[in-house]
Amino acid sequence: MADKNLTTKDILQKEFKTAMRGYNSGEVDEFLDMIIRDYESYQKDMTYLQSENERLRNRVDELTKQASLGKRTQATTNTGSGVTNFDILKRLSNLEKHVFGSKLEDKRDENGLGS
């Protein structure tokens, strides 16, 4: 960032030497007042933007940490259980055979078909 050579106080307190054919001091003072207002506005904007930049950097750091923790948790969950879709389908199939298989055997017994 560029160094600032002037402050609003420096501009306000600047005294120009008078010469015989110099500038109109009223116009110079009016122009310097305008410069001071602009300079103050730029300083406020700069302060706001610096604090906003710091806030956003902190937010990025926070979200990066959360994402990192989320990836670790997901990796642990996926590898830690050792259960695959195939294992789940196999268990479901066995459960269906157990539940529905016993109902089919009960129906056979009721109808006198037995084994």
PDB file of N, CA and C in Angstrom:
ATOM      1  N   MET A   1       0.837  -1.160   0.000  1.00  0.00           N
ATOM      2  CA  MET A   1       0.000   0.000   0.000  1.00  0.00           C
ATOM      3  C   MET A   1       0.892   1.237   0.000  1.00  0.00           C
ATOM      4  N   ALA A   2       0.476   2.257  -0.728  1.00  0.00           N
ATOM      5  CA  ALA A   2       1.280   3.481  -0.851  1.00  0.00           C
ATOM      6  C   ALA A   2       1.237   4.270   0.456  1.00  0.00           C
ATOM      7  N   ASP A   3       2.361   4.893   0.771  1.00  0.00           N
ATOM      8  CA  ASP A   3       2.418   5.741   1.961  1.00  0.00           C
ATOM      9  C   ASP A   3       1.653   7.030   1.706  1.00  0.00           C
ATOM     10  N   LYS A   4       1.015   7.529   2.758  1.00  0.00           N
ATOM     11  CA  LYS A   4       0.287   8.796   2.665  1.00  0.00           C
ATOM     12  C   LYS A   4       1.210   9.896   3.147  1.00  0.00           C
ATOM     13  N   ASN A   5       1.325  10.913   2.335  1.00  0.00           N
ATOM     14  CA  ASN A   5       2.184  12.031   2.706  1.00  0.00           C
ATOM     15  C   ASN A   5       1.433  13.108   3.478  1.00  0.00           C
ATOM     16  N   LEU A   6       0.126  13.187   3.292  1.00  0.00           N
ATOM     17  CA  LEU A   6      -0.661  14.245   3.918  1.00  0.00           C
ATOM     18  C   LEU A   6      -1.769  13.672   4.778  1.00  0.00           C
ATOM     19  N   THR A   7      -2.068  14.405   5.823  1.00  0.00           N
ATOM     20  CA  THR A   7      -3.253  14.102   6.619  1.00  0.00           C
ATOM     21  C   THR A   7      -4.222  15.255   6.413  1.00  0.00           C
ATOM     22  N   THR A   8      -5.442  15.086   6.888  1.00  0.00           N
ATOM     23  CA  THR A   8      -6.402  16.184   6.748  1.00  0.00           C
ATOM     24  C   THR A   8      -5.923  17.412   7.520  1.00  0.00           C
ATOM     25  N   LYS A   9      -5.252  17.184   8.618  1.00  0.00           N
ATOM     26  CA  LYS A   9      -4.725  18.299   9.411  1.00  0.00           C
ATOM     27  C   LYS A   9      -3.647  19.054   8.626  1.00  0.00           C
ATOM     28  N   ASP A  10      -2.771  18.312   7.906  1.00  0.00           N
ATOM     29  CA  ASP A  10      -1.731  18.952   7.090  1.00  0.00           C
ATOM     30  C   ASP A  10      -2.357  19.836   6.020  1.00  0.00           C
ATOM     31  N   ILE A  11      -3.407  19.349   5.396  1.00  0.00           N
ATOM     32  CA  ILE A  11      -4.055  20.115   4.333  1.00  0.00           C
ATOM     33  C   ILE A  11      -4.728  21.361   4.915  1.00  0.00           C
ATOM     34  N   LEU A  12      -5.419  21.171   6.047  1.00  0.00           N
ATOM     35  CA  LEU A  12      -6.132  22.280   6.673  1.00  0.00           C
ATOM     36  C   LEU A  12      -5.184  23.385   7.123  1.00  0.00           C
ATOM     37  N   GLN A  13      -4.028  23.027   7.638  1.00  0.00           N
ATOM     38  CA  GLN A  13      -3.110  24.007   8.196  1.00  0.00           C
ATOM     39  C   GLN A  13      -2.079  24.528   7.197  1.00  0.00           C
ATOM     40  N   LYS A  14      -2.174  24.119   5.956  1.00  0.00           N
ATOM     41  CA  LYS A  14      -1.198  24.560   4.943  1.00  0.00           C
ATOM     42  C   LYS A  14      -1.347  26.061   4.701  1.00  0.00           C
ATOM     43  N   GLU A  15      -0.258  26.772   4.765  1.00  0.00           N
ATOM     44  CA  GLU A  15      -0.229  28.215   4.514  1.00  0.00           C
ATOM     45  C   GLU A  15       0.579  28.448   3.240  1.00  0.00           C
ATOM     46  N   PHE A  16       0.020  29.219   2.333  1.00  0.00           N
ATOM     47  CA  PHE A  16       0.710  29.561   1.098  1.00  0.00           C
ATOM     48  C   PHE A  16       1.243  30.986   1.217  1.00  0.00           C
ATOM     49  N   LYS A  17       2.378  31.210   0.629  1.00  0.00           N
ATOM     50  CA  LYS A  17       2.956  32.556   0.612  1.00  0.00           C
ATOM     51  C   LYS A  17       2.157  33.400  -0.376  1.00  0.00           C
ATOM     52  N   THR A  18       2.009  34.653  -0.026  1.00  0.00           N
ATOM     53  CA  THR A  18       1.289  35.545  -0.936  1.00  0.00           C
ATOM     54  C   THR A  18       2.286  36.248  -1.839  1.00  0.00           C
ATOM     55  N   ALA A  19       1.863  36.447  -3.042  1.00  0.00           N
ATOM     56  CA  ALA A  19       2.691  37.162  -4.012  1.00  0.00           C
ATOM     57  C   ALA A  19       1.823  38.239  -4.645  1.00  0.00           C
ATOM     58  N   MET A  20       2.483  39.121  -5.357  1.00  0.00           N
ATOM     59  CA  MET A  20       1.741  40.232  -5.936  1.00  0.00           C
ATOM     60  C   MET A  20       0.659  39.716  -6.890  1.00  0.00           C
ATOM     61  N   ARG A  21       0.984  38.805  -7.720  1.00  0.00           N
ATOM     62  CA  ARG A  21       0.027  38.288  -8.693  1.00  0.00           C
ATOM     63  C   ARG A  21      -0.293  36.824  -8.371  1.00  0.00           C
ATOM     64  N   GLY A  22      -0.527  36.512  -7.129  1.00  0.00           N
ATOM     65  CA  GLY A  22      -0.780  35.134  -6.686  1.00  0.00           C
ATOM     66  C   GLY A  22      -2.221  34.705  -6.897  1.00  0.00           C
ATOM     67  N   TYR A  23      -2.520  33.557  -6.367  1.00  0.00           N
ATOM     68  CA  TYR A  23      -3.857  32.996  -6.470  1.00  0.00           C
ATOM     69  C   TYR A  23      -4.796  33.674  -5.488  1.00  0.00           C
ATOM     70  N   ASN A  24      -6.089  33.613  -5.781  1.00  0.00           N
ATOM     71  CA  ASN A  24      -7.101  34.142  -4.880  1.00  0.00           C
ATOM     72  C   ASN A  24      -7.160  33.215  -3.670  1.00  0.00           C
ATOM     73  N   SER A  25      -6.859  33.722  -2.503  1.00  0.00           N
ATOM     74  CA  SER A  25      -6.777  32.879  -1.304  1.00  0.00           C
ATOM     75  C   SER A  25      -8.133  32.266  -0.958  1.00  0.00           C
ATOM     76  N   GLY A  26      -9.224  32.931  -1.239  1.00  0.00           N
ATOM     77  CA  GLY A  26     -10.551  32.370  -0.977  1.00  0.00           C
ATOM     78  C   GLY A  26     -10.805  31.123  -1.819  1.00  0.00           C
ATOM     79  N   GLU A  27     -10.416  31.174  -3.082  1.00  0.00           N
ATOM     80  CA  GLU A  27     -10.585  30.015  -3.969  1.00  0.00           C
ATOM     81  C   GLU A  27      -9.706  28.854  -3.525  1.00  0.00           C
ATOM     82  N   VAL A  28      -8.478  29.181  -3.131  1.00  0.00           N
ATOM     83  CA  VAL A  28      -7.554  28.131  -2.677  1.00  0.00           C
ATOM     84  C   VAL A  28      -8.109  27.462  -1.423  1.00  0.00           C
ATOM     85  N   ASP A  29      -8.587  28.270  -0.462  1.00  0.00           N
ATOM     86  CA  ASP A  29      -9.139  27.705   0.769  1.00  0.00           C
ATOM     87  C   ASP A  29     -10.374  26.838   0.480  1.00  0.00           C
ATOM     88  N   GLU A  30     -11.217  27.297  -0.414  1.00  0.00           N
ATOM     89  CA  GLU A  30     -12.408  26.536  -0.780  1.00  0.00           C
ATOM     90  C   GLU A  30     -12.035  25.201  -1.417  1.00  0.00           C
ATOM     91  N   PHE A  31     -11.041  25.242  -2.291  1.00  0.00           N
ATOM     92  CA  PHE A  31     -10.591  24.010  -2.937  1.00  0.00           C
ATOM     93  C   PHE A  31      -9.957  23.054  -1.929  1.00  0.00           C
ATOM     94  N   LEU A  32      -9.162  23.595  -1.017  1.00  0.00           N
ATOM     95  CA  LEU A  32      -8.539  22.756   0.010  1.00  0.00           C
ATOM     96  C   LEU A  32      -9.594  22.142   0.930  1.00  0.00           C
ATOM     97  N   ASP A  33     -10.659  22.890   1.235  1.00  0.00           N
ATOM     98  CA  ASP A  33     -11.750  22.327   2.037  1.00  0.00           C
ATOM     99  C   ASP A  33     -12.391  21.139   1.331  1.00  0.00           C
ATOM    100  N   MET A  34     -12.568  21.258   0.019  1.00  0.00           N
ATOM    101  CA  MET A  34     -13.121  20.155  -0.766  1.00  0.00           C
ATOM    102  C   MET A  34     -12.186  18.944  -0.723  1.00  0.00           C
ATOM    103  N   ILE A  35     -10.901  19.193  -0.834  1.00  0.00           N
ATOM    104  CA  ILE A  35      -9.907  18.113  -0.780  1.00  0.00           C
ATOM    105  C   ILE A  35      -9.943  17.434   0.591  1.00  0.00           C
ATOM    106  N   ILE A  36     -10.079  18.209   1.653  1.00  0.00           N
ATOM    107  CA  ILE A  36     -10.141  17.639   3.005  1.00  0.00           C
ATOM    108  C   ILE A  36     -11.338  16.709   3.141  1.00  0.00           C
ATOM    109  N   ARG A  37     -12.513  17.140   2.653  1.00  0.00           N
ATOM    110  CA  ARG A  37     -13.712  16.296   2.730  1.00  0.00           C
ATOM    111  C   ARG A  37     -13.501  14.983   1.961  1.00  0.00           C
ATOM    112  N   ASP A  38     -12.932  15.087   0.775  1.00  0.00           N
ATOM    113  CA  ASP A  38     -12.659  13.876  -0.001  1.00  0.00           C
ATOM    114  C   ASP A  38     -11.655  12.979   0.715  1.00  0.00           C
ATOM    115  N   TYR A  39     -10.630  13.571   1.251  1.00  0.00           N
ATOM    116  CA  TYR A  39      -9.588  12.817   1.928  1.00  0.00           C
ATOM    117  C   TYR A  39     -10.162  12.084   3.142  1.00  0.00           C
ATOM    118  N   GLU A  40     -11.014  12.770   3.917  1.00  0.00           N
ATOM    119  CA  GLU A  40     -11.661  12.132   5.065  1.00  0.00           C
ATOM    120  C   GLU A  40     -12.539  10.977   4.604  1.00  0.00           C
ATOM    121  N   SER A  41     -13.258  11.167   3.514  1.00  0.00           N
ATOM    122  CA  SER A  41     -14.105  10.114   2.969  1.00  0.00           C
ATOM    123  C   SER A  41     -13.265   8.913   2.548  1.00  0.00           C
ATOM    124  N   TYR A  42     -12.145   9.162   1.886  1.00  0.00           N
ATOM    125  CA  TYR A  42     -11.267   8.062   1.477  1.00  0.00           C
ATOM    126  C   TYR A  42     -10.695   7.330   2.685  1.00  0.00           C
ATOM    127  N   GLN A  43     -10.349   8.086   3.733  1.00  0.00           N
ATOM    128  CA  GLN A  43      -9.820   7.446   4.932  1.00  0.00           C
ATOM    129  C   GLN A  43     -10.875   6.556   5.594  1.00  0.00           C
ATOM    130  N   LYS A  44     -12.126   7.023   5.652  1.00  0.00           N
ATOM    131  CA  LYS A  44     -13.206   6.208   6.223  1.00  0.00           C
ATOM    132  C   LYS A  44     -13.417   4.951   5.382  1.00  0.00           C
ATOM    133  N   ASP A  45     -13.435   5.119   4.060  1.00  0.00           N
ATOM    134  CA  ASP A  45     -13.604   3.967   3.170  1.00  0.00           C
ATOM    135  C   ASP A  45     -12.471   2.967   3.359  1.00  0.00           C
ATOM    136  N   MET A  46     -11.263   3.477   3.460  1.00  0.00           N
ATOM    137  CA  MET A  46     -10.092   2.620   3.622  1.00  0.00           C
ATOM    138  C   MET A  46     -10.172   1.837   4.933  1.00  0.00           C
ATOM    139  N   THR A  47     -10.555   2.500   6.008  1.00  0.00           N
ATOM    140  CA  THR A  47     -10.688   1.844   7.301  1.00  0.00           C
ATOM    141  C   THR A  47     -11.765   0.771   7.251  1.00  0.00           C
ATOM    142  N   TYR A  48     -12.904   1.110   6.650  1.00  0.00           N
ATOM    143  CA  TYR A  48     -13.991   0.139   6.526  1.00  0.00           C
ATOM    144  C   TYR A  48     -13.554  -1.068   5.700  1.00  0.00           C
ATOM    145  N   LEU A  49     -12.916  -0.814   4.561  1.00  0.00           N
ATOM    146  CA  LEU A  49     -12.512  -1.916   3.680  1.00  0.00           C
ATOM    147  C   LEU A  49     -11.449  -2.800   4.331  1.00  0.00           C
ATOM    148  N   GLN A  50     -10.552  -2.193   5.105  1.00  0.00           N
ATOM    149  CA  GLN A  50      -9.545  -2.996   5.805  1.00  0.00           C
ATOM    150  C   GLN A  50     -10.199  -3.900   6.850  1.00  0.00           C
ATOM    151  N   SER A  51     -11.165  -3.365   7.593  1.00  0.00           N
ATOM    152  CA  SER A  51     -11.833  -4.199   8.592  1.00  0.00           C
ATOM    153  C   SER A  51     -12.687  -5.273   7.915  1.00  0.00           C
ATOM    154  N   GLU A  52     -13.330  -4.935   6.813  1.00  0.00           N
ATOM    155  CA  GLU A  52     -14.125  -5.918   6.070  1.00  0.00           C
ATOM    156  C   GLU A  52     -13.216  -7.018   5.503  1.00  0.00           C
ATOM    157  N   ASN A  53     -12.074  -6.620   5.001  1.00  0.00           N
ATOM    158  CA  ASN A  53     -11.103  -7.581   4.471  1.00  0.00           C
ATOM    159  C   ASN A  53     -10.647  -8.534   5.569  1.00  0.00           C
ATOM    160  N   GLU A  54     -10.370  -8.006   6.732  1.00  0.00           N
ATOM    161  CA  GLU A  54      -9.945  -8.838   7.867  1.00  0.00           C
ATOM    162  C   GLU A  54     -11.061  -9.792   8.286  1.00  0.00           C
ATOM    163  N   ARG A  55     -12.297  -9.287   8.331  1.00  0.00           N
ATOM    164  CA  ARG A  55     -13.440 -10.119   8.697  1.00  0.00           C
ATOM    165  C   ARG A  55     -13.611 -11.271   7.693  1.00  0.00           C
ATOM    166  N   LEU A  56     -13.484 -10.956   6.410  1.00  0.00           N
ATOM    167  CA  LEU A  56     -13.652 -11.982   5.382  1.00  0.00           C
ATOM    168  C   LEU A  56     -12.515 -13.009   5.421  1.00  0.00           C
ATOM    169  N   ARG A  57     -11.319 -12.564   5.697  1.00  0.00           N
ATOM    170  CA  ARG A  57     -10.193 -13.506   5.822  1.00  0.00           C
ATOM    171  C   ARG A  57     -10.423 -14.461   6.988  1.00  0.00           C
ATOM    172  N   ASN A  58     -10.904 -13.920   8.101  1.00  0.00           N
ATOM    173  CA  ASN A  58     -11.198 -14.770   9.261  1.00  0.00           C
ATOM    174  C   ASN A  58     -12.291 -15.771   8.925  1.00  0.00           C
ATOM    175  N   ARG A  59     -13.287 -15.334   8.172  1.00  0.00           N
ATOM    176  CA  ARG A  59     -14.384 -16.227   7.774  1.00  0.00           C
ATOM    177  C   ARG A  59     -13.877 -17.341   6.859  1.00  0.00           C
ATOM    178  N   VAL A  60     -12.978 -16.987   5.936  1.00  0.00           N
ATOM    179  CA  VAL A  60     -12.393 -17.993   5.040  1.00  0.00           C
ATOM    180  C   VAL A  60     -11.600 -19.012   5.856  1.00  0.00           C
ATOM    181  N   ASP A  61     -10.819 -18.538   6.818  1.00  0.00           N
ATOM    182  CA  ASP A  61     -10.058 -19.454   7.679  1.00  0.00           C
ATOM    183  C   ASP A  61     -11.002 -20.393   8.440  1.00  0.00           C
ATOM    184  N   GLU A  62     -12.079 -19.820   8.965  1.00  0.00           N
ATOM    185  CA  GLU A  62     -13.055 -20.617   9.722  1.00  0.00           C
ATOM    186  C   GLU A  62     -13.702 -21.680   8.835  1.00  0.00           C
ATOM    187  N   LEU A  63     -14.104 -21.299   7.638  1.00  0.00           N
ATOM    188  CA  LEU A  63     -14.746 -22.246   6.728  1.00  0.00           C
ATOM    189  C   LEU A  63     -13.768 -23.310   6.236  1.00  0.00           C
ATOM    190  N   THR A  64     -12.518 -22.917   6.046  1.00  0.00           N
ATOM    191  CA  THR A  64     -11.492 -23.875   5.630  1.00  0.00           C
ATOM    192  C   THR A  64     -11.287 -24.929   6.719  1.00  0.00           C
ATOM    193  N   LYS A  65     -11.257 -24.487   7.970  1.00  0.00           N
ATOM    194  CA  LYS A  65     -11.114 -25.434   9.081  1.00  0.00           C
ATOM    195  C   LYS A  65     -12.308 -26.372   9.147  1.00  0.00           C
ATOM    196  N   GLN A  66     -13.515 -25.817   8.979  1.00  0.00           N
ATOM    197  CA  GLN A  66     -14.718 -26.652   9.010  1.00  0.00           C
ATOM    198  C   GLN A  66     -14.709 -27.672   7.878  1.00  0.00           C
ATOM    199  N   ALA A  67     -14.299 -27.249   6.688  1.00  0.00           N
ATOM    200  CA  ALA A  67     -14.242 -28.160   5.544  1.00  0.00           C
ATOM    201  C   ALA A  67     -13.210 -29.254   5.787  1.00  0.00           C
ATOM    202  N   SER A  68     -12.090 -28.886   6.375  1.00  0.00           N
ATOM    203  CA  SER A  68     -11.043 -29.858   6.675  1.00  0.00           C
ATOM    204  C   SER A  68     -11.541 -30.890   7.685  1.00  0.00           C
ATOM    205  N   LEU A  69     -12.220 -30.422   8.725  1.00  0.00           N
ATOM    206  CA  LEU A  69     -12.768 -31.343   9.724  1.00  0.00           C
ATOM    207  C   LEU A  69     -13.846 -32.230   9.113  1.00  0.00           C
ATOM    208  N   GLY A  70     -14.650 -31.662   8.231  1.00  0.00           N
ATOM    209  CA  GLY A  70     -15.700 -32.431   7.565  1.00  0.00           C
ATOM    210  C   GLY A  70     -15.129 -33.538   6.709  1.00  0.00           C
ATOM    211  N   LYS A  71     -14.056 -33.255   5.987  1.00  0.00           N
ATOM    212  CA  LYS A  71     -13.418 -34.272   5.141  1.00  0.00           C
ATOM    213  C   LYS A  71     -12.835 -35.387   6.001  1.00  0.00           C
ATOM    214  N   ARG A  72     -12.221 -35.012   7.124  1.00  0.00           N
ATOM    215  CA  ARG A  72     -11.645 -36.028   8.009  1.00  0.00           C
ATOM    216  C   ARG A  72     -12.745 -36.914   8.584  1.00  0.00           C
ATOM    217  N   THR A  73     -13.834 -36.299   9.004  1.00  0.00           N
ATOM    218  CA  THR A  73     -14.948 -37.057   9.583  1.00  0.00           C
ATOM    219  C   THR A  73     -15.552 -37.982   8.542  1.00  0.00           C
ATOM    220  N   GLN A  74     -15.724 -37.470   7.330  1.00  0.00           N
ATOM    221  CA  GLN A  74     -16.305 -38.290   6.260  1.00  0.00           C
ATOM    222  C   GLN A  74     -15.380 -39.455   5.919  1.00  0.00           C
ATOM    223  N   ALA A  75     -14.086 -39.191   5.853  1.00  0.00           N
ATOM    224  CA  ALA A  75     -13.133 -40.250   5.536  1.00  0.00           C
ATOM    225  C   ALA A  75     -13.136 -41.315   6.632  1.00  0.00           C
ATOM    226  N   THR A  76     -13.206 -40.882   7.875  1.00  0.00           N
ATOM    227  CA  THR A  76     -13.243 -41.823   8.994  1.00  0.00           C
ATOM    228  C   THR A  76     -14.518 -42.652   8.954  1.00  0.00           C
ATOM    229  N   THR A  77     -15.626 -42.032   8.659  1.00  0.00           N
ATOM    230  CA  THR A  77     -16.909 -42.735   8.609  1.00  0.00           C
ATOM    231  C   THR A  77     -16.919 -43.751   7.480  1.00  0.00           C
ATOM    232  N   ASN A  78     -16.431 -43.366   6.328  1.00  0.00           N
ATOM    233  CA  ASN A  78     -16.448 -44.270   5.177  1.00  0.00           C
ATOM    234  C   ASN A  78     -15.511 -45.460   5.359  1.00  0.00           C
ATOM    235  N   THR A  79     -14.339 -45.235   5.868  1.00  0.00           N
ATOM    236  CA  THR A  79     -13.376 -46.324   6.001  1.00  0.00           C
ATOM    237  C   THR A  79     -13.550 -47.080   7.301  1.00  0.00           C
ATOM    238  N   GLY A  80     -14.073 -46.437   8.318  1.00  0.00           N
ATOM    239  CA  GLY A  80     -14.177 -47.056   9.628  1.00  0.00           C
ATOM    240  C   GLY A  80     -15.245 -48.124   9.699  1.00  0.00           C
ATOM    241  N   SER A  81     -16.339 -47.963   9.004  1.00  0.00           N
ATOM    242  CA  SER A  81     -17.429 -48.933   9.134  1.00  0.00           C
ATOM    243  C   SER A  81     -17.139 -50.198   8.348  1.00  0.00           C
ATOM    244  N   GLY A  82     -16.495 -50.111   7.204  1.00  0.00           N
ATOM    245  CA  GLY A  82     -16.168 -51.284   6.399  1.00  0.00           C
ATOM    246  C   GLY A  82     -17.390 -51.914   5.757  1.00  0.00           C
ATOM    247  N   VAL A  83     -18.524 -51.266   5.803  1.00  0.00           N
ATOM    248  CA  VAL A  83     -19.752 -51.805   5.231  1.00  0.00           C
ATOM    249  C   VAL A  83     -19.916 -51.233   3.828  1.00  0.00           C
ATOM    250  N   THR A  84     -20.144 -52.130   2.874  1.00  0.00           N
ATOM    251  CA  THR A  84     -20.356 -51.685   1.505  1.00  0.00           C
ATOM    252  C   THR A  84     -21.811 -51.870   1.138  1.00  0.00           C
ATOM    253  N   ASN A  85     -22.191 -51.370  -0.008  1.00  0.00           N
ATOM    254  CA  ASN A  85     -23.568 -51.547  -0.489  1.00  0.00           C
ATOM    255  C   ASN A  85     -23.872 -53.028  -0.672  1.00  0.00           C
ATOM    256  N   PHE A  86     -22.898 -53.791  -1.121  1.00  0.00           N
ATOM    257  CA  PHE A  86     -23.089 -55.226  -1.309  1.00  0.00           C
ATOM    258  C   PHE A  86     -23.440 -55.902   0.016  1.00  0.00           C
ATOM    259  N   ASP A  87     -22.711 -55.514   1.081  1.00  0.00           N
ATOM    260  CA  ASP A  87     -22.981 -56.093   2.399  1.00  0.00           C
ATOM    261  C   ASP A  87     -24.396 -55.762   2.866  1.00  0.00           C
ATOM    262  N   ILE A  88     -24.811 -54.540   2.622  1.00  0.00           N
ATOM    263  CA  ILE A  88     -26.158 -54.123   3.029  1.00  0.00           C
ATOM    264  C   ILE A  88     -27.209 -54.906   2.256  1.00  0.00           C
ATOM    265  N   LEU A  89     -27.017 -55.046   0.944  1.00  0.00           N
ATOM    266  CA  LEU A  89     -27.975 -55.807   0.127  1.00  0.00           C
ATOM    267  C   LEU A  89     -28.036 -57.273   0.560  1.00  0.00           C
ATOM    268  N   LYS A  90     -26.898 -57.830   0.886  1.00  0.00           N
ATOM    269  CA  LYS A  90     -26.846 -59.227   1.325  1.00  0.00           C
ATOM    270  C   LYS A  90     -27.621 -59.397   2.634  1.00  0.00           C
ATOM    271  N   ARG A  91     -27.418 -58.479   3.569  1.00  0.00           N
ATOM    272  CA  ARG A  91     -28.135 -58.541   4.838  1.00  0.00           C
ATOM    273  C   ARG A  91     -29.638 -58.375   4.627  1.00  0.00           C
ATOM    274  N   LEU A  92     -30.010 -57.462   3.752  1.00  0.00           N
ATOM    275  CA  LEU A  92     -31.422 -57.245   3.454  1.00  0.00           C
ATOM    276  C   LEU A  92     -32.052 -58.488   2.842  1.00  0.00           C
ATOM    277  N   SER A  93     -31.336 -59.122   1.941  1.00  0.00           N
ATOM    278  CA  SER A  93     -31.837 -60.344   1.312  1.00  0.00           C
ATOM    279  C   SER A  93     -32.040 -61.443   2.367  1.00  0.00           C
ATOM    280  N   ASN A  94     -31.080 -61.612   3.250  1.00  0.00           N
ATOM    281  CA  ASN A  94     -31.201 -62.617   4.316  1.00  0.00           C
ATOM    282  C   ASN A  94     -32.381 -62.311   5.234  1.00  0.00           C
ATOM    283  N   LEU A  95     -32.578 -61.041   5.535  1.00  0.00           N
ATOM    284  CA  LEU A  95     -33.696 -60.636   6.382  1.00  0.00           C
ATOM    285  C   LEU A  95     -35.024 -60.940   5.699  1.00  0.00           C
ATOM    286  N   GLU A  96     -35.125 -60.662   4.401  1.00  0.00           N
ATOM    287  CA  GLU A  96     -36.353 -60.959   3.652  1.00  0.00           C
ATOM    288  C   GLU A  96     -36.619 -62.464   3.628  1.00  0.00           C
ATOM    289  N   LYS A  97     -35.568 -63.240   3.409  1.00  0.00           N
ATOM    290  CA  LYS A  97     -35.747 -64.700   3.406  1.00  0.00           C
ATOM    291  C   LYS A  97     -36.251 -65.173   4.756  1.00  0.00           C
ATOM    292  N   HIS A  98     -35.701 -64.619   5.810  1.00  0.00           N
ATOM    293  CA  HIS A  98     -36.094 -65.017   7.152  1.00  0.00           C
ATOM    294  C   HIS A  98     -37.556 -64.651   7.422  1.00  0.00           C
ATOM    295  N   VAL A  99     -37.928 -63.399   7.114  1.00  0.00           N
ATOM    296  CA  VAL A  99     -39.291 -62.945   7.404  1.00  0.00           C
ATOM    297  C   VAL A  99     -40.297 -63.600   6.474  1.00  0.00           C
ATOM    298  N   PHE A 100     -40.075 -63.491   5.179  1.00  0.00           N
ATOM    299  CA  PHE A 100     -41.043 -64.009   4.220  1.00  0.00           C
ATOM    300  C   PHE A 100     -40.959 -65.530   4.088  1.00  0.00           C
ATOM    301  N   GLY A 101     -39.791 -66.076   4.292  1.00  0.00           N
ATOM    302  CA  GLY A 101     -39.629 -67.526   4.234  1.00  0.00           C
ATOM    303  C   GLY A 101     -40.443 -68.208   5.317  1.00  0.00           C
ATOM    304  N   SER A 102     -40.454 -67.657   6.523  1.00  0.00           N
ATOM    305  CA  SER A 102     -41.215 -68.263   7.614  1.00  0.00           C
ATOM    306  C   SER A 102     -42.710 -68.122   7.362  1.00  0.00           C
ATOM    307  N   LYS A 103     -43.143 -67.064   6.726  1.00  0.00           N
ATOM    308  CA  LYS A 103     -44.564 -66.907   6.403  1.00  0.00           C
ATOM    309  C   LYS A 103     -44.981 -67.914   5.346  1.00  0.00           C
ATOM    310  N   LEU A 104     -44.112 -68.159   4.385  1.00  0.00           N
ATOM    311  CA  LEU A 104     -44.421 -69.152   3.347  1.00  0.00           C
ATOM    312  C   LEU A 104     -44.528 -70.547   3.968  1.00  0.00           C
ATOM    313  N   GLU A 105     -43.641 -70.865   4.896  1.00  0.00           N
ATOM    314  CA  GLU A 105     -43.692 -72.175   5.563  1.00  0.00           C
ATOM    315  C   GLU A 105     -44.950 -72.310   6.396  1.00  0.00           C
ATOM    316  N   ASP A 106     -45.386 -71.223   7.048  1.00  0.00           N
ATOM    317  CA  ASP A 106     -46.621 -71.240   7.833  1.00  0.00           C
ATOM    318  C   ASP A 106     -47.823 -71.511   6.935  1.00  0.00           C
ATOM    319  N   LYS A 107     -47.843 -70.914   5.762  1.00  0.00           N
ATOM    320  CA  LYS A 107     -48.955 -71.134   4.821  1.00  0.00           C
ATOM    321  C   LYS A 107     -48.971 -72.581   4.351  1.00  0.00           C
ATOM    322  N   ARG A 108     -47.810 -73.124   4.080  1.00  0.00           N
ATOM    323  CA  ARG A 108     -47.725 -74.521   3.642  1.00  0.00           C
ATOM    324  C   ARG A 108     -48.284 -75.448   4.722  1.00  0.00           C
ATOM    325  N   ASP A 109     -47.928 -75.149   5.976  1.00  0.00           N
ATOM    326  CA  ASP A 109     -48.406 -75.977   7.090  1.00  0.00           C
ATOM    327  C   ASP A 109     -49.922 -75.878   7.238  1.00  0.00           C
ATOM    328  N   GLU A 110     -50.465 -74.681   7.033  1.00  0.00           N
ATOM    329  CA  GLU A 110     -51.911 -74.489   7.152  1.00  0.00           C
ATOM    330  C   GLU A 110     -52.651 -75.253   6.052  1.00  0.00           C
ATOM    331  N   ASN A 111     -52.082 -75.303   4.898  1.00  0.00           N
ATOM    332  CA  ASN A 111     -52.728 -75.983   3.749  1.00  0.00           C
ATOM    333  C   ASN A 111     -52.452 -77.483   3.746  1.00  0.00           C
ATOM    334  N   GLY A 112     -51.668 -77.935   4.674  1.00  0.00           N
ATOM    335  CA  GLY A 112     -51.376 -79.347   4.767  1.00  0.00           C
ATOM    336  C   GLY A 112     -50.364 -79.825   3.748  1.00  0.00           C
ATOM    337  N   LEU A 113     -49.608 -78.917   3.222  1.00  0.00           N
ATOM    338  CA  LEU A 113     -48.625 -79.302   2.215  1.00  0.00           C
ATOM    339  C   LEU A 113     -47.335 -79.748   2.868  1.00  0.00           C
ATOM    340  N   GLY A 114     -46.994 -79.291   3.991  1.00  0.00           N
ATOM    341  CA  GLY A 114     -45.803 -79.713   4.744  1.00  0.00           C
ATOM    342  C   GLY A 114     -44.596 -79.989   3.876  1.00  0.00           C
ATOM    343  N   SER A 115     -43.503 -80.256   4.458  1.00  0.00           N
ATOM    344  CA  SER A 115     -42.283 -80.484   3.694  1.00  0.00           C
ATOM    345  C   SER A 115     -42.168 -81.874   3.224  1.00  0.00           C
TER     346      SER A 115
END
